[in-house]
């Protein structure tokens, strides 16, 4: 009579694991957090909520790394500033030059995050691990 309502050990353990999982889910960080860089890339370390994240724990926006390269192109229409020579000849009097050119430019970043920089940190949840995305350097005005 009493054994019908008594759960098995496996059922009790499953219920306990389910309860513990629910508690852990409630304690997971939600939303964007602010972290402080304690070591720069490539071996980055970031303190967030009293936890030190290492390069194994994070994804980082590519543009925050040394050597990140972007190419831009456009068209510029302008003119140089007036400037003249010093001889006094009419050919050297003050004049400017029109600019009407296409351009392509490549920018290669030579700096990265520094110790003490504040960064936005976003938690992401995979099947096997808790990871974080370091999205950007942030400043407080």
C-alpha atoms as a PDB file:
ATOM      1  CA  UNK A   1       0.000   0.000   0.000  1.00  0.00           C
ATOM      2  CA  UNK A   2       2.746   2.498   0.960  1.00  0.00           C
ATOM      3  CA  UNK A   3       5.077   1.403  -1.868  1.00  0.00           C
ATOM      4  CA  UNK A   4       2.733   2.556  -4.632  1.00  0.00           C
ATOM      5  CA  UNK A   5       3.345   6.237  -3.837  1.00  0.00           C
ATOM      6  CA  UNK A   6       7.010   5.960  -2.870  1.00  0.00           C
ATOM      7  CA  UNK A   7       9.257   7.062  -5.775  1.00  0.00           C
ATOM      8  CA  UNK A   8      12.159   4.902  -6.828  1.00  0.00           C
ATOM      9  CA  UNK A   9      15.726   6.044  -6.193  1.00  0.00           C
ATOM     10  CA  UNK A  10      16.085   6.871  -9.900  1.00  0.00           C
ATOM     11  CA  UNK A  11      12.917   8.976  -9.844  1.00  0.00           C
ATOM     12  CA  UNK A  12      14.083  10.816  -6.703  1.00  0.00           C
ATOM     13  CA  UNK A  13      17.501  11.483  -8.254  1.00  0.00           C
ATOM     14  CA  UNK A  14      15.948  12.712 -11.497  1.00  0.00           C
ATOM     15  CA  UNK A  15      13.729  15.107  -9.572  1.00  0.00           C
ATOM     16  CA  UNK A  16      16.709  16.389  -7.564  1.00  0.00           C
ATOM     17  CA  UNK A  17      18.794  16.911 -10.728  1.00  0.00           C
ATOM     18  CA  UNK A  18      15.854  18.729 -12.356  1.00  0.00           C
ATOM     19  CA  UNK A  19      15.533  21.004  -9.299  1.00  0.00           C
ATOM     20  CA  UNK A  20      19.295  21.732  -9.225  1.00  0.00           C
ATOM     21  CA  UNK A  21      19.242  22.488 -12.966  1.00  0.00           C
ATOM     22  CA  UNK A  22      16.378  24.948 -12.428  1.00  0.00           C
ATOM     23  CA  UNK A  23      18.305  26.733  -9.678  1.00  0.00           C
ATOM     24  CA  UNK A  24      21.436  26.900 -11.847  1.00  0.00           C
ATOM     25  CA  UNK A  25      19.406  28.298 -14.767  1.00  0.00           C
ATOM     26  CA  UNK A  26      18.108  31.093 -12.536  1.00  0.00           C
ATOM     27  CA  UNK A  27      21.678  32.023 -11.543  1.00  0.00           C
ATOM     28  CA  UNK A  28      23.049  32.216 -15.091  1.00  0.00           C
ATOM     29  CA  UNK A  29      24.047  35.732 -16.135  1.00  0.00           C
ATOM     30  CA  UNK A  30      21.428  37.373 -18.301  1.00  0.00           C
ATOM     31  CA  UNK A  31      22.063  40.193 -20.752  1.00  0.00           C
ATOM     32  CA  UNK A  32      25.140  42.269 -21.470  1.00  0.00           C
ATOM     33  CA  UNK A  33      27.677  42.777 -18.678  1.00  0.00           C
ATOM     34  CA  UNK A  34      30.720  45.038 -18.307  1.00  0.00           C
ATOM     35  CA  UNK A  35      34.102  43.379 -17.886  1.00  0.00           C
ATOM     36  CA  UNK A  36      37.576  44.781 -17.226  1.00  0.00           C
ATOM     37  CA  UNK A  37      40.536  43.602 -19.309  1.00  0.00           C
ATOM     38  CA  UNK A  38      43.276  42.182 -17.058  1.00  0.00           C
ATOM     39  CA  UNK A  39      45.455  40.872 -19.926  1.00  0.00           C
ATOM     40  CA  UNK A  40      45.315  41.961 -23.587  1.00  0.00           C
ATOM     41  CA  UNK A  41      44.831  39.689 -26.617  1.00  0.00           C
ATOM     42  CA  UNK A  42      45.987  37.247 -27.817  1.00  0.00           C
ATOM     43  CA  UNK A  43      45.975  35.702 -24.302  1.00  0.00           C
ATOM     44  CA  UNK A  44      43.080  37.857 -23.164  1.00  0.00           C
ATOM     45  CA  UNK A  45      41.725  37.773 -19.636  1.00  0.00           C
ATOM     46  CA  UNK A  46      38.647  39.695 -18.523  1.00  0.00           C
ATOM     47  CA  UNK A  47      37.187  40.033 -15.026  1.00  0.00           C
ATOM     48  CA  UNK A  48      33.399  40.035 -14.995  1.00  0.00           C
ATOM     49  CA  UNK A  49      31.274  39.538 -11.869  1.00  0.00           C
ATOM     50  CA  UNK A  50      34.375  38.408  -9.928  1.00  0.00           C
ATOM     51  CA  UNK A  51      35.076  35.657 -12.481  1.00  0.00           C
ATOM     52  CA  UNK A  52      38.183  35.705 -14.664  1.00  0.00           C
ATOM     53  CA  UNK A  53      37.430  34.761 -18.246  1.00  0.00           C
ATOM     54  CA  UNK A  54      40.310  33.494 -20.404  1.00  0.00           C
ATOM     55  CA  UNK A  55      40.682  33.123 -24.154  1.00  0.00           C
ATOM     56  CA  UNK A  56      39.164  29.637 -23.874  1.00  0.00           C
ATOM     57  CA  UNK A  57      35.967  31.182 -22.468  1.00  0.00           C
ATOM     58  CA  UNK A  58      35.412  33.946 -25.014  1.00  0.00           C
ATOM     59  CA  UNK A  59      34.758  34.913 -28.580  1.00  0.00           C
ATOM     60  CA  UNK A  60      36.048  38.391 -29.406  1.00  0.00           C
ATOM     61  CA  UNK A  61      35.047  40.806 -32.157  1.00  0.00           C
ATOM     62  CA  UNK A  62      37.667  40.531 -34.872  1.00  0.00           C
ATOM     63  CA  UNK A  63      38.104  44.277 -35.226  1.00  0.00           C
ATOM     64  CA  UNK A  64      39.460  44.477 -31.655  1.00  0.00           C
ATOM     65  CA  UNK A  65      42.557  42.479 -32.663  1.00  0.00           C
ATOM     66  CA  UNK A  66      45.915  43.675 -33.985  1.00  0.00           C
ATOM     67  CA  UNK A  67      46.151  43.172 -37.739  1.00  0.00           C
ATOM     68  CA  UNK A  68      42.426  43.523 -38.405  1.00  0.00           C
ATOM     69  CA  UNK A  69      42.106  44.970 -41.894  1.00  0.00           C
ATOM     70  CA  UNK A  70      39.319  46.933 -43.603  1.00  0.00           C
ATOM     71  CA  UNK A  71      39.249  48.367 -47.090  1.00  0.00           C
ATOM     72  CA  UNK A  72      37.165  51.363 -48.071  1.00  0.00           C
ATOM     73  CA  UNK A  73      36.564  53.073 -51.340  1.00  0.00           C
ATOM     74  CA  UNK A  74      34.825  56.198 -52.496  1.00  0.00           C
ATOM     75  CA  UNK A  75      35.029  59.346 -54.533  1.00  0.00           C
ATOM     76  CA  UNK A  76      36.294  62.691 -53.314  1.00  0.00           C
ATOM     77  CA  UNK A  77      35.507  66.099 -54.820  1.00  0.00           C
ATOM     78  CA  UNK A  78      37.370  68.990 -53.245  1.00  0.00           C
ATOM     79  CA  UNK A  79      40.223  71.402 -53.838  1.00  0.00           C
ATOM     80  CA  UNK A  80      43.603  72.048 -52.310  1.00  0.00           C
ATOM     81  CA  UNK A  81      44.089  75.153 -50.186  1.00  0.00           C
ATOM     82  CA  UNK A  82      45.434  78.266 -51.880  1.00  0.00           C
ATOM     83  CA  UNK A  83      49.184  78.439 -51.788  1.00  0.00           C
ATOM     84  CA  UNK A  84      51.744  80.457 -53.651  1.00  0.00           C
ATOM     85  CA  UNK A  85      55.453  80.432 -54.236  1.00  0.00           C
ATOM     86  CA  UNK A  86      57.806  83.079 -52.948  1.00  0.00           C
ATOM     87  CA  UNK A  87      59.406  84.381 -56.159  1.00  0.00           C
ATOM     88  CA  UNK A  88      56.734  86.980 -56.986  1.00  0.00           C
ATOM     89  CA  UNK A  89      56.335  85.665 -60.565  1.00  0.00           C
ATOM     90  CA  UNK A  90      52.712  85.405 -61.807  1.00  0.00           C
ATOM     91  CA  UNK A  91      53.164  81.680 -62.419  1.00  0.00           C
ATOM     92  CA  UNK A  92      53.736  81.178 -58.683  1.00  0.00           C
ATOM     93  CA  UNK A  93      50.980  83.405 -57.279  1.00  0.00           C
ATOM     94  CA  UNK A  94      48.481  81.917 -54.842  1.00  0.00           C
ATOM     95  CA  UNK A  95      46.376  79.162 -56.430  1.00  0.00           C
ATOM     96  CA  UNK A  96      44.670  75.849 -55.732  1.00  0.00           C
ATOM     97  CA  UNK A  97      44.044  72.538 -57.549  1.00  0.00           C
ATOM     98  CA  UNK A  98      40.710  70.774 -58.019  1.00  0.00           C
ATOM     99  CA  UNK A  99      40.409  67.239 -56.666  1.00  0.00           C
ATOM    100  CA  UNK A 100      37.954  64.842 -58.326  1.00  0.00           C
ATOM    101  CA  UNK A 101      39.233  61.305 -57.791  1.00  0.00           C
ATOM    102  CA  UNK A 102      38.158  57.794 -56.918  1.00  0.00           C
ATOM    103  CA  UNK A 103      40.099  56.281 -54.042  1.00  0.00           C
ATOM    104  CA  UNK A 104      40.633  52.980 -52.294  1.00  0.00           C
ATOM    105  CA  UNK A 105      42.191  52.846 -48.857  1.00  0.00           C
ATOM    106  CA  UNK A 106      43.120  50.011 -46.533  1.00  0.00           C
ATOM    107  CA  UNK A 107      43.257  50.414 -42.775  1.00  0.00           C
ATOM    108  CA  UNK A 108      45.198  47.884 -40.709  1.00  0.00           C
ATOM    109  CA  UNK A 109      44.682  48.143 -36.953  1.00  0.00           C
ATOM    110  CA  UNK A 110      47.907  48.172 -34.950  1.00  0.00           C
ATOM    111  CA  UNK A 111      46.436  48.424 -31.462  1.00  0.00           C
ATOM    112  CA  UNK A 112      44.152  46.290 -29.321  1.00  0.00           C
ATOM    113  CA  UNK A 113      42.525  46.218 -25.929  1.00  0.00           C
ATOM    114  CA  UNK A 114      44.682  47.286 -22.995  1.00  0.00           C
ATOM    115  CA  UNK A 115      44.715  46.345 -19.314  1.00  0.00           C
ATOM    116  CA  UNK A 116      42.000  48.361 -17.589  1.00  0.00           C
ATOM    117  CA  UNK A 117      39.801  48.774 -20.667  1.00  0.00           C
ATOM    118  CA  UNK A 118      36.121  48.098 -20.084  1.00  0.00           C
ATOM    119  CA  UNK A 119      34.382  45.790 -22.543  1.00  0.00           C
ATOM    120  CA  UNK A 120      30.833  44.635 -23.186  1.00  0.00           C
ATOM    121  CA  UNK A 121      30.499  40.935 -22.392  1.00  0.00           C
ATOM    122  CA  UNK A 122      27.521  38.906 -23.568  1.00  0.00           C
ATOM    123  CA  UNK A 123      26.881  35.393 -22.225  1.00  0.00           C
ATOM    124  CA  UNK A 124      26.080  32.703 -24.788  1.00  0.00           C
ATOM    125  CA  UNK A 125      24.998  29.207 -23.949  1.00  0.00           C
ATOM    126  CA  UNK A 126      26.119  26.211 -25.945  1.00  0.00           C
ATOM    127  CA  UNK A 127      25.305  22.592 -25.322  1.00  0.00           C
ATOM    128  CA  UNK A 128      28.595  21.839 -23.623  1.00  0.00           C
ATOM    129  CA  UNK A 129      29.944  25.110 -22.271  1.00  0.00           C
ATOM    130  CA  UNK A 130      29.260  28.595 -20.997  1.00  0.00           C
ATOM    131  CA  UNK A 131      30.951  31.034 -23.359  1.00  0.00           C
ATOM    132  CA  UNK A 132      31.012  34.824 -23.656  1.00  0.00           C
ATOM    133  CA  UNK A 133      31.270  37.286 -26.534  1.00  0.00           C
ATOM    134  CA  UNK A 134      33.492  40.331 -26.072  1.00  0.00           C
ATOM    135  CA  UNK A 135      31.737  42.666 -28.414  1.00  0.00           C
ATOM    136  CA  UNK A 136      33.228  46.110 -27.951  1.00  0.00           C
ATOM    137  CA  UNK A 137      35.309  48.444 -25.835  1.00  0.00           C
ATOM    138  CA  UNK A 138      33.015  50.734 -23.848  1.00  0.00           C
ATOM    139  CA  UNK A 139      33.526  54.003 -21.990  1.00  0.00           C
ATOM    140  CA  UNK A 140      31.431  55.895 -19.442  1.00  0.00           C
ATOM    141  CA  UNK A 141      30.891  59.576 -20.144  1.00  0.00           C
END
